[in-house]
Amino acid sequence: MTEIPVAGYESTTQRLNDENDSEIQFEISNKIQNPLTISGEKIWLDNGDIASRPEYITVQLWRRDGEQERRVQFNELAAGYQDFLWTSKF
C-alpha cells in the first residue's frame, strides 16, 4: 500500500495486524511538517483586582478547511499559572 504524497505533510503507513490474518488493517498518518504557532495575551482591565477574575478562560480558535470552518477550543485552568501568566498548547 502506498499513499499519494500531500505537500506539507509527512506520511507514514503501518500495518496493524499480522500478515497471516485474512483481514488487512493499516494505519495511515499525515503529520504536518511546519506546525502553526499561535500566541496571545490576556490583559485584565480590573485595576489589579485578582479576586474578581474567573477560575478559567475559554479561547476559541477557528480553522477554515476549504469551505468549512471548524472550532478548536480549550479551557485554561487558573490553578496552573505562575505570576498570573497562563499558557497552553494546542
C-alpha atoms as a PDB file:
ATOM      1  CA  MET A   1       0.000   0.000   0.000  1.00  0.00           C
ATOM      2  CA  THR A   2       1.267   3.458  -0.856  1.00  0.00           C
ATOM      3  CA  GLU A   3      -0.239   6.865  -0.378  1.00  0.00           C
ATOM      4  CA  ILE A   4      -0.050   9.753  -2.795  1.00  0.00           C
ATOM      5  CA  PRO A   5       2.180  12.419  -1.159  1.00  0.00           C
ATOM      6  CA  VAL A   6       0.473  15.555   0.123  1.00  0.00           C
ATOM      7  CA  ALA A   7       2.512  18.779   0.044  1.00  0.00           C
ATOM      8  CA  GLY A   8       3.498  19.970   3.525  1.00  0.00           C
ATOM      9  CA  TYR A   9       2.788  16.628   5.235  1.00  0.00           C
ATOM     10  CA  GLU A  10       4.932  13.669   6.257  1.00  0.00           C
ATOM     11  CA  SER A  11       3.067  10.441   5.559  1.00  0.00           C
ATOM     12  CA  THR A  12       3.604   7.087   7.294  1.00  0.00           C
ATOM     13  CA  THR A  13       1.871   3.773   6.700  1.00  0.00           C
ATOM     14  CA  GLN A  14       1.866   0.948   9.255  1.00  0.00           C
ATOM     15  CA  ARG A  15       0.240  -2.451   9.117  1.00  0.00           C
ATOM     16  CA  LEU A  16      -1.735  -3.055  12.314  1.00  0.00           C
ATOM     17  CA  ASN A  17      -2.212  -6.811  12.190  1.00  0.00           C
ATOM     18  CA  ASP A  18      -0.310  -9.987  11.359  1.00  0.00           C
ATOM     19  CA  GLU A  19       0.356 -10.930   7.733  1.00  0.00           C
ATOM     20  CA  ASN A  20      -1.487 -14.230   8.298  1.00  0.00           C
ATOM     21  CA  ASP A  21      -4.790 -12.514   9.169  1.00  0.00           C
ATOM     22  CA  SER A  22      -7.444 -12.692   6.460  1.00  0.00           C
ATOM     23  CA  GLU A  23      -8.414  -9.050   7.060  1.00  0.00           C
ATOM     24  CA  ILE A  24      -5.725  -6.456   6.375  1.00  0.00           C
ATOM     25  CA  GLN A  25      -5.604  -3.376   8.610  1.00  0.00           C
ATOM     26  CA  PHE A  26      -3.395  -0.332   8.021  1.00  0.00           C
ATOM     27  CA  GLU A  27      -2.955   2.974   9.768  1.00  0.00           C
ATOM     28  CA  ILE A  28      -2.042   5.944   7.577  1.00  0.00           C
ATOM     29  CA  SER A  29      -0.833   9.071   9.373  1.00  0.00           C
ATOM     30  CA  ASN A  30      -0.243  12.514   7.912  1.00  0.00           C
ATOM     31  CA  LYS A  31       1.793  14.839  10.126  1.00  0.00           C
ATOM     32  CA  ILE A  32       2.122  18.484   9.170  1.00  0.00           C
ATOM     33  CA  GLN A  33       5.770  19.396   8.623  1.00  0.00           C
ATOM     34  CA  ASN A  34       5.517  23.043   9.653  1.00  0.00           C
ATOM     35  CA  PRO A  35       3.185  23.309  12.649  1.00  0.00           C
ATOM     36  CA  LEU A  36       1.473  26.618  13.271  1.00  0.00           C
ATOM     37  CA  THR A  37       2.298  28.554  16.435  1.00  0.00           C
ATOM     38  CA  ILE A  38      -0.334  30.908  17.797  1.00  0.00           C
ATOM     39  CA  SER A  39       0.301  33.188  20.748  1.00  0.00           C
ATOM     40  CA  GLY A  40      -1.745  35.773  22.528  1.00  0.00           C
ATOM     41  CA  GLU A  41      -2.007  37.755  25.717  1.00  0.00           C
ATOM     42  CA  LYS A  42      -4.984  38.230  28.042  1.00  0.00           C
ATOM     43  CA  ILE A  43      -4.900  41.659  29.673  1.00  0.00           C
ATOM     44  CA  TRP A  44      -7.144  42.181  32.682  1.00  0.00           C
ATOM     45  CA  LEU A  45      -8.645  45.676  32.981  1.00  0.00           C
ATOM     46  CA  ASP A  46      -9.593  45.274  36.643  1.00  0.00           C
ATOM     47  CA  ASN A  47      -7.124  47.600  38.417  1.00  0.00           C
ATOM     48  CA  GLY A  48      -5.241  44.568  39.767  1.00  0.00           C
ATOM     49  CA  ASP A  49      -8.317  43.062  41.483  1.00  0.00           C
ATOM     50  CA  ILE A  50      -7.238  39.431  41.190  1.00  0.00           C
ATOM     51  CA  ALA A  51     -10.201  38.188  43.260  1.00  0.00           C
ATOM     52  CA  SER A  52     -12.637  39.374  40.573  1.00  0.00           C
ATOM     53  CA  ARG A  53     -11.043  37.194  37.860  1.00  0.00           C
ATOM     54  CA  PRO A  54     -12.710  33.938  36.787  1.00  0.00           C
ATOM     55  CA  GLU A  55     -11.306  30.492  37.603  1.00  0.00           C
ATOM     56  CA  TYR A  56     -10.661  29.831  33.899  1.00  0.00           C
ATOM     57  CA  ILE A  57     -10.878  31.429  30.493  1.00  0.00           C
ATOM     58  CA  THR A  58     -12.105  29.863  27.261  1.00  0.00           C
ATOM     59  CA  VAL A  59     -10.346  30.579  23.968  1.00  0.00           C
ATOM     60  CA  GLN A  60     -11.894  29.558  20.657  1.00  0.00           C
ATOM     61  CA  LEU A  61      -9.789  29.175  17.531  1.00  0.00           C
ATOM     62  CA  TRP A  62     -11.398  28.845  14.123  1.00  0.00           C
ATOM     63  CA  ARG A  63      -9.880  26.970  11.228  1.00  0.00           C
ATOM     64  CA  ARG A  64     -11.087  27.004   7.642  1.00  0.00           C
ATOM     65  CA  ASP A  65     -10.896  23.653   5.827  1.00  0.00           C
ATOM     66  CA  GLY A  66     -11.871  24.505   2.282  1.00  0.00           C
ATOM     67  CA  GLU A  67     -15.359  25.938   2.623  1.00  0.00           C
ATOM     68  CA  GLN A  68     -15.940  24.583   6.144  1.00  0.00           C
ATOM     69  CA  GLU A  69     -14.980  26.263   9.403  1.00  0.00           C
ATOM     70  CA  ARG A  70     -14.002  24.245  12.463  1.00  0.00           C
ATOM     71  CA  ARG A  71     -13.736  25.463  16.040  1.00  0.00           C
ATOM     72  CA  VAL A  72     -10.856  24.366  18.299  1.00  0.00           C
ATOM     73  CA  GLN A  73     -11.466  25.082  21.978  1.00  0.00           C
ATOM     74  CA  PHE A  74      -9.531  24.704  25.225  1.00  0.00           C
ATOM     75  CA  ASN A  75     -10.095  25.742  28.820  1.00  0.00           C
ATOM     76  CA  GLU A  76      -7.118  27.035  30.752  1.00  0.00           C
ATOM     77  CA  LEU A  77      -7.448  26.491  34.491  1.00  0.00           C
ATOM     78  CA  ALA A  78      -6.080  29.182  36.776  1.00  0.00           C
ATOM     79  CA  ALA A  79      -4.529  26.531  39.050  1.00  0.00           C
ATOM     80  CA  GLY A  80      -1.682  26.029  36.560  1.00  0.00           C
ATOM     81  CA  TYR A  81      -0.420  29.596  36.326  1.00  0.00           C
ATOM     82  CA  GLN A  82       2.621  31.270  37.866  1.00  0.00           C
ATOM     83  CA  ASP A  83       2.903  35.021  38.295  1.00  0.00           C
ATOM     84  CA  PHE A  84      -0.557  35.337  36.702  1.00  0.00           C
ATOM     85  CA  LEU A  85       0.716  34.079  33.337  1.00  0.00           C
ATOM     86  CA  TRP A  86      -1.458  31.420  31.697  1.00  0.00           C
ATOM     87  CA  THR A  87      -0.106  29.333  28.864  1.00  0.00           C
ATOM     88  CA  SER A  88      -1.467  26.425  26.894  1.00  0.00           C
ATOM     89  CA  LYS A  89      -0.589  24.257  23.897  1.00  0.00           C
ATOM     90  CA  PHE A  90      -2.992  23.065  21.231  1.00  0.00           C
END
